[in-house]
Amino acid sequence: MAATKVIASASNIATSSLLSKGPLLRPHSLSLCFSTTDRLVSKKRLFSCRALYKPEVQTKEEGLPETLDYRIFFVDNSGKKVSPWHDIPLHLGDGAFNFIVEIPKESSAKMEVATDEPFTPIKQDTKKGKLRYYPYNINWNYGLLPQTWEDPSFANSEVDGAFGDNDPVDVVEIGESRGKMGQILKVKPLGALAMIDEGELDWKIVAISLDDPKASLVNDVNDVEKHFPGTLTAIRDWFRDYKIPDGKPANKFGLGNKAANKDYALQVITETNEAWAKLVKRSIPAGELSLV
């Protein structure tokens, strides 16, 4: 029988003195936010919320690692399953965001949130019924921004008219510590790379954990070059080339093949957060995506 065990606790979740206490927000609660003074306030759009609740969640494994049945579910304090994509808040206030680690740095298993399964657990991606691995380790913590979505019906005129890839926005976290699958980190965005994967726009937000020793030193792409020299080029080249060993062409990048600055990254986050809000309110067809 497959083992089931808790692999992370709420004590591992990033906390902030600005966060308010309150229940998990579900898609049907889009009109509610929690203010920094613990008052329940009404907002027209969820993506305008700031400084939301402390996410009291744990992660729980079902099945065995490196099998087709392996899943990492997120549960609240009552043991109820919640979605890391829909129920973990995006905004933390003061320019900080929640980031969910799918693939820890220096690993190669291609883990991802299963956007088409109830409660969107983390699982290992497959191709032709076999588990997928990168041809070499990824050198940074990699994962997603919750409550974001790259709309496949939206053509971005600034990036060769490419349409969104139907997934949450990806994050490349450049800090020194190795994350754990399902870990929630507080990060600040530093820039954005506009990767075009087989014609689809697949944003890569470059960010750093607020717990990293160098976090106070880096606030934009120029700071990354100064304190993490060569990192932006290495990220671009890694994502450009990782499919080549499988016989596929190199990925391309828009915006002049360079990382856009922090302001642009924040614009991407806002736009994809708005798209997610429309998705969960069913203003846009969900197709096979799970909204639970």
Protein backbone atom coordinates (compact mmCIF):
# COMPACT_ATOMS: atom_id res chain seq x y z
CA MET A 1 0.00 0.00 0.00
CA ALA A 2 1.31 3.44 -0.89
CA ALA A 3 2.66 5.37 2.02
CA THR A 4 0.97 8.56 3.20
CA LYS A 5 2.90 10.99 5.35
CA VAL A 6 3.16 14.64 6.20
CA ILE A 7 6.36 16.07 4.74
CA ALA A 8 6.18 19.72 5.74
CA SER A 9 4.55 21.65 8.53
CA ALA A 10 3.04 25.05 8.93
CA SER A 11 6.14 26.05 10.85
CA ASN A 12 8.02 25.86 7.57
CA ILE A 13 5.64 28.29 5.91
CA ALA A 14 6.86 31.86 5.63
CA THR A 15 5.20 34.20 8.08
CA SER A 16 4.84 37.95 8.29
CA SER A 17 3.73 40.31 11.02
CA LEU A 18 1.61 42.04 8.39
CA LEU A 19 -0.48 38.97 7.69
CA SER A 20 -4.02 38.76 9.00
CA LYS A 21 -5.60 35.65 10.45
CA GLY A 22 -8.51 34.20 8.54
CA PRO A 23 -9.84 31.19 6.62
CA LEU A 24 -8.55 30.06 3.28
CA LEU A 25 -10.02 32.00 0.38
CA ARG A 26 -11.83 29.81 -2.12
CA PRO A 27 -12.76 30.79 -5.69
CA HIS A 28 -16.34 31.55 -4.59
CA SER A 29 -14.98 34.10 -2.06
CA LEU A 30 -13.41 36.40 -4.60
CA SER A 31 -15.07 39.49 -3.16
CA LEU A 32 -13.41 39.16 0.26
CA CYS A 33 -9.99 40.22 1.48
CA PHE A 34 -8.37 40.55 4.84
CA SER A 35 -6.77 43.87 5.72
CA THR A 36 -3.63 44.31 7.78
CA THR A 37 -5.79 45.34 10.73
CA ASP A 38 -7.74 42.06 10.82
CA ARG A 39 -10.90 43.72 9.52
CA LEU A 40 -12.82 41.88 6.83
CA VAL A 41 -13.05 44.27 3.92
CA SER A 42 -14.78 44.10 0.57
CA LYS A 43 -12.84 44.28 -2.66
CA LYS A 44 -14.11 44.14 -6.21
CA ARG A 45 -11.23 42.00 -7.40
CA LEU A 46 -9.09 39.49 -5.53
CA PHE A 47 -5.94 40.62 -7.27
CA SER A 48 -6.24 43.98 -5.50
CA CYS A 49 -5.86 42.29 -2.10
CA ARG A 50 -2.75 42.95 -0.06
CA ALA A 51 -1.30 41.40 3.09
CA LEU A 52 -3.62 38.43 3.21
CA TYR A 53 -3.87 35.64 5.78
CA LYS A 54 -1.04 33.51 7.07
CA PRO A 55 -1.37 30.31 5.01
CA GLU A 56 -1.67 27.63 7.70
CA VAL A 57 -1.13 24.65 5.44
CA GLN A 58 0.83 21.43 5.38
CA THR A 59 1.89 19.21 2.53
CA LYS A 60 1.12 15.50 2.50
CA GLU A 61 2.46 12.82 0.22
CA GLU A 62 0.28 10.18 -1.37
CA GLY A 63 2.00 7.36 -3.19
CA LEU A 64 5.73 6.80 -3.56
CA PRO A 65 8.21 9.26 -5.11
CA GLU A 66 9.20 8.61 -8.70
CA THR A 67 6.02 6.69 -9.48
CA LEU A 68 3.04 7.66 -11.62
CA ASP A 69 0.79 7.74 -8.55
CA TYR A 70 2.93 10.11 -6.48
CA ARG A 71 1.19 13.31 -5.39
CA ILE A 72 1.93 16.10 -2.93
CA PHE A 73 -1.34 17.52 -1.62
CA PHE A 74 -1.80 20.67 0.43
CA VAL A 75 -4.08 20.47 3.49
CA ASP A 76 -5.31 23.03 6.00
CA ASN A 77 -5.27 22.67 9.79
CA SER A 78 -8.48 20.64 9.73
CA GLY A 79 -6.98 18.17 7.27
CA LYS A 80 -9.06 19.42 4.35
CA LYS A 81 -7.34 19.47 0.98
CA VAL A 82 -6.75 22.89 -0.55
CA SER A 83 -5.28 23.99 -3.86
CA PRO A 84 -1.78 25.48 -3.96
CA TRP A 85 -2.78 27.24 -7.17
CA HIS A 86 -6.12 28.69 -6.09
CA ASP A 87 -6.07 28.85 -2.28
CA ILE A 88 -2.60 30.14 -1.42
CA PRO A 89 -2.65 33.94 -1.75
CA LEU A 90 -0.41 35.68 -4.26
CA HIS A 91 0.18 38.96 -2.45
CA LEU A 92 1.85 39.32 0.92
CA GLY A 93 2.09 43.12 0.88
CA ASP A 94 5.15 45.39 0.68
CA GLY A 95 6.10 43.96 -2.73
CA ALA A 96 6.42 40.38 -1.47
CA PHE A 97 4.70 37.36 -3.00
CA ASN A 98 4.15 33.72 -2.14
CA PHE A 99 6.18 31.30 -4.24
CA ILE A 100 5.54 27.55 -4.24
CA VAL A 101 8.55 25.33 -4.89
CA GLU A 102 7.83 22.57 -7.37
CA ILE A 103 11.41 21.64 -8.32
CA PRO A 104 14.20 22.16 -5.76
CA LYS A 105 17.52 23.43 -7.08
CA GLU A 106 20.05 20.80 -8.16
CA SER A 107 17.39 18.22 -9.04
CA SER A 108 16.05 16.97 -12.36
CA ALA A 109 12.61 15.39 -11.80
CA LYS A 110 10.10 17.55 -13.69
CA MET A 111 7.58 18.21 -10.93
CA GLU A 112 4.58 20.46 -11.49
CA VAL A 113 1.19 21.40 -10.13
CA ALA A 114 -1.41 19.22 -11.82
CA THR A 115 -3.72 21.95 -13.07
CA ASP A 116 -6.27 19.43 -14.38
CA GLU A 117 -6.66 17.42 -11.14
CA PRO A 118 -8.87 18.28 -8.13
CA PHE A 119 -6.95 20.35 -5.56
CA THR A 120 -4.09 20.65 -8.10
CA PRO A 121 -1.47 18.56 -6.25
CA ILE A 122 2.18 18.52 -7.24
CA LYS A 123 3.08 15.49 -9.35
CA GLN A 124 5.85 14.44 -11.72
CA ASP A 125 5.13 15.27 -15.33
CA THR A 126 4.85 12.42 -17.81
CA LYS A 127 5.35 11.89 -21.50
CA LYS A 128 3.99 8.83 -23.29
CA GLY A 129 3.25 7.27 -19.91
CA LYS A 130 6.78 7.70 -18.56
CA LEU A 131 8.03 10.05 -15.87
CA ARG A 132 9.83 13.11 -17.17
CA TYR A 133 13.24 14.33 -16.09
CA TYR A 134 15.31 17.25 -17.27
CA PRO A 135 18.49 16.14 -19.07
CA TYR A 136 20.50 17.86 -16.33
CA ASN A 137 19.84 19.43 -12.96
CA ILE A 138 18.17 22.81 -12.72
CA ASN A 139 20.41 25.20 -10.79
CA TRP A 140 17.73 27.26 -9.02
CA ASN A 141 14.54 26.66 -7.08
CA TYR A 142 11.73 26.53 -9.61
CA GLY A 143 8.00 26.74 -9.15
CA LEU A 144 4.94 28.94 -9.49
CA LEU A 145 3.17 32.07 -8.35
CA PRO A 146 -0.25 31.07 -6.99
CA GLN A 147 -3.36 32.81 -8.28
CA THR A 148 -1.80 33.59 -11.66
CA TRP A 149 -2.65 32.19 -15.09
CA GLU A 150 -1.25 32.68 -18.58
CA ASP A 151 -4.38 33.00 -20.69
CA PRO A 152 -4.08 30.89 -23.88
CA SER A 153 -6.62 33.13 -25.62
CA PHE A 154 -4.55 36.28 -25.09
CA ALA A 155 -1.97 37.21 -27.74
CA ASN A 156 0.79 39.38 -26.27
CA SER A 157 1.65 42.04 -28.83
CA GLU A 158 4.92 42.85 -27.03
CA VAL A 159 6.15 39.25 -27.31
CA ASP A 160 5.67 38.32 -30.97
CA GLY A 161 1.91 37.91 -30.52
CA ALA A 162 2.49 34.69 -28.56
CA PHE A 163 -0.45 33.23 -26.63
CA GLY A 164 -0.27 32.21 -22.96
CA ASP A 165 0.66 28.63 -22.11
CA ASN A 166 -2.43 27.88 -19.95
CA ASP A 167 -0.37 27.51 -16.74
CA PRO A 168 0.42 29.54 -13.63
CA VAL A 169 3.40 31.88 -13.94
CA ASP A 170 6.78 30.24 -13.34
CA VAL A 171 9.38 31.54 -10.91
CA VAL A 172 13.14 31.01 -10.88
CA GLU A 173 14.34 31.71 -7.33
CA ILE A 174 18.07 32.47 -7.26
CA GLY A 175 18.82 32.33 -3.52
CA GLU A 176 21.49 30.12 -2.01
CA SER A 177 19.24 27.72 -0.06
CA ARG A 178 17.74 24.61 -1.61
CA GLY A 179 13.98 24.54 -1.22
CA LYS A 180 11.73 21.54 -0.70
CA MET A 181 8.89 20.38 -2.92
CA GLY A 182 5.73 22.10 -1.77
CA GLN A 183 7.54 24.68 0.36
CA ILE A 184 6.08 28.18 0.35
CA LEU A 185 8.66 30.97 0.27
CA LYS A 186 8.26 34.73 0.48
CA VAL A 187 9.97 36.24 -2.55
CA LYS A 188 10.42 39.57 -4.28
CA PRO A 189 10.50 39.73 -8.09
CA LEU A 190 13.62 41.09 -9.77
CA GLY A 191 12.92 40.67 -13.48
CA ALA A 192 11.15 38.64 -16.14
CA LEU A 193 12.21 36.52 -19.10
CA ALA A 194 9.68 36.08 -21.92
CA MET A 195 10.33 32.50 -23.01
CA ILE A 196 8.52 31.30 -26.12
CA ASP A 197 8.09 27.52 -26.00
CA GLU A 198 6.76 26.04 -29.23
CA GLY A 199 4.93 29.29 -29.93
CA GLU A 200 3.49 29.71 -26.42
CA LEU A 201 4.47 32.49 -24.04
CA ASP A 202 5.89 31.02 -20.82
CA TRP A 203 7.00 33.79 -18.46
CA LYS A 204 9.92 33.16 -16.11
CA ILE A 205 9.88 35.56 -13.18
CA VAL A 206 13.35 35.88 -11.64
CA ALA A 207 13.00 36.34 -7.89
CA ILE A 208 14.84 35.92 -4.59
CA SER A 209 13.68 34.62 -1.23
CA LEU A 210 13.39 37.33 1.39
CA ASP A 211 15.28 35.01 3.74
CA ASP A 212 18.34 34.94 1.50
CA PRO A 213 21.42 36.76 2.89
CA LYS A 214 21.65 38.85 -0.29
CA ALA A 215 17.95 39.71 -0.53
CA SER A 216 18.44 43.27 0.72
CA LEU A 217 21.11 43.88 -1.93
CA VAL A 218 19.06 42.98 -5.01
CA ASN A 219 15.97 44.88 -6.10
CA ASP A 220 16.14 44.85 -9.91
CA VAL A 221 17.86 43.14 -12.83
CA ASN A 222 20.92 45.38 -12.61
CA ASP A 223 21.43 44.31 -9.00
CA VAL A 224 21.27 40.67 -10.09
CA GLU A 225 24.12 41.23 -12.50
CA LYS A 226 26.11 42.95 -9.78
CA HIS A 227 25.61 40.45 -6.95
CA PHE A 228 24.86 37.29 -8.96
CA PRO A 229 27.04 37.86 -12.04
CA GLY A 230 26.14 35.72 -15.03
CA THR A 231 22.96 34.35 -13.42
CA LEU A 232 20.45 35.96 -15.81
CA THR A 233 22.39 34.67 -18.82
CA ALA A 234 22.66 31.23 -17.24
CA ILE A 235 18.90 31.08 -16.59
CA ARG A 236 18.10 32.14 -20.14
CA ASP A 237 20.56 29.66 -21.63
CA TRP A 238 19.34 26.80 -19.42
CA PHE A 239 15.72 27.27 -20.49
CA ARG A 240 16.75 27.92 -24.08
CA ASP A 241 18.65 24.64 -24.38
CA TYR A 242 17.09 22.06 -22.05
CA LYS A 243 14.97 20.44 -24.77
CA ILE A 244 17.79 20.10 -27.27
CA PRO A 245 19.04 16.74 -25.90
CA ASP A 246 15.56 15.34 -26.65
CA GLY A 247 15.90 16.38 -30.28
CA LYS A 248 13.71 19.49 -30.04
CA PRO A 249 14.70 22.98 -31.19
CA ALA A 250 15.94 25.57 -28.74
CA ASN A 251 13.36 27.76 -27.06
CA LYS A 252 13.25 31.44 -27.99
CA PHE A 253 12.90 34.60 -25.95
CA GLY A 254 11.10 37.84 -26.62
CA LEU A 255 11.82 41.35 -25.36
CA GLY A 256 15.18 41.51 -27.08
CA ASN A 257 16.36 38.19 -25.63
CA LYS A 258 17.02 39.92 -22.30
CA ALA A 259 15.44 39.98 -18.86
CA ALA A 260 12.95 42.81 -18.41
CA ASN A 261 13.21 44.89 -15.25
CA LYS A 262 11.30 44.57 -11.98
CA ASP A 263 8.52 46.97 -12.99
CA TYR A 264 7.83 44.88 -16.07
CA ALA A 265 7.81 41.71 -13.97
CA LEU A 266 5.26 43.27 -11.62
CA GLN A 267 3.12 44.18 -14.63
CA VAL A 268 3.23 40.56 -15.80
CA ILE A 269 2.21 39.37 -12.34
CA THR A 270 -0.69 41.81 -12.17
CA GLU A 271 -1.99 40.89 -15.62
CA THR A 272 -1.78 37.15 -15.02
CA ASN A 273 -3.41 37.56 -11.59
CA GLU A 274 -6.29 39.38 -13.29
CA ALA A 275 -6.54 36.57 -15.83
CA TRP A 276 -6.69 34.01 -13.00
CA ALA A 277 -9.46 35.98 -11.28
CA LYS A 278 -11.52 35.88 -14.48
CA LEU A 279 -10.80 32.16 -14.82
CA VAL A 280 -12.04 31.20 -11.35
CA LYS A 281 -15.08 33.45 -11.72
CA ARG A 282 -15.73 31.51 -14.95
CA SER A 283 -15.62 34.65 -17.07
CA ILE A 284 -13.21 32.66 -19.25
CA PRO A 285 -13.79 28.99 -20.18
CA ALA A 286 -11.68 26.70 -17.97
CA GLY A 287 -11.56 23.76 -20.35
CA GLU A 288 -9.90 20.84 -18.53
CA LEU A 289 -8.44 23.00 -15.77
CA SER A 290 -9.55 22.26 -12.22
CA LEU A 291 -10.99 25.23 -10.33
CA VAL A 292 -11.25 23.25 -7.09
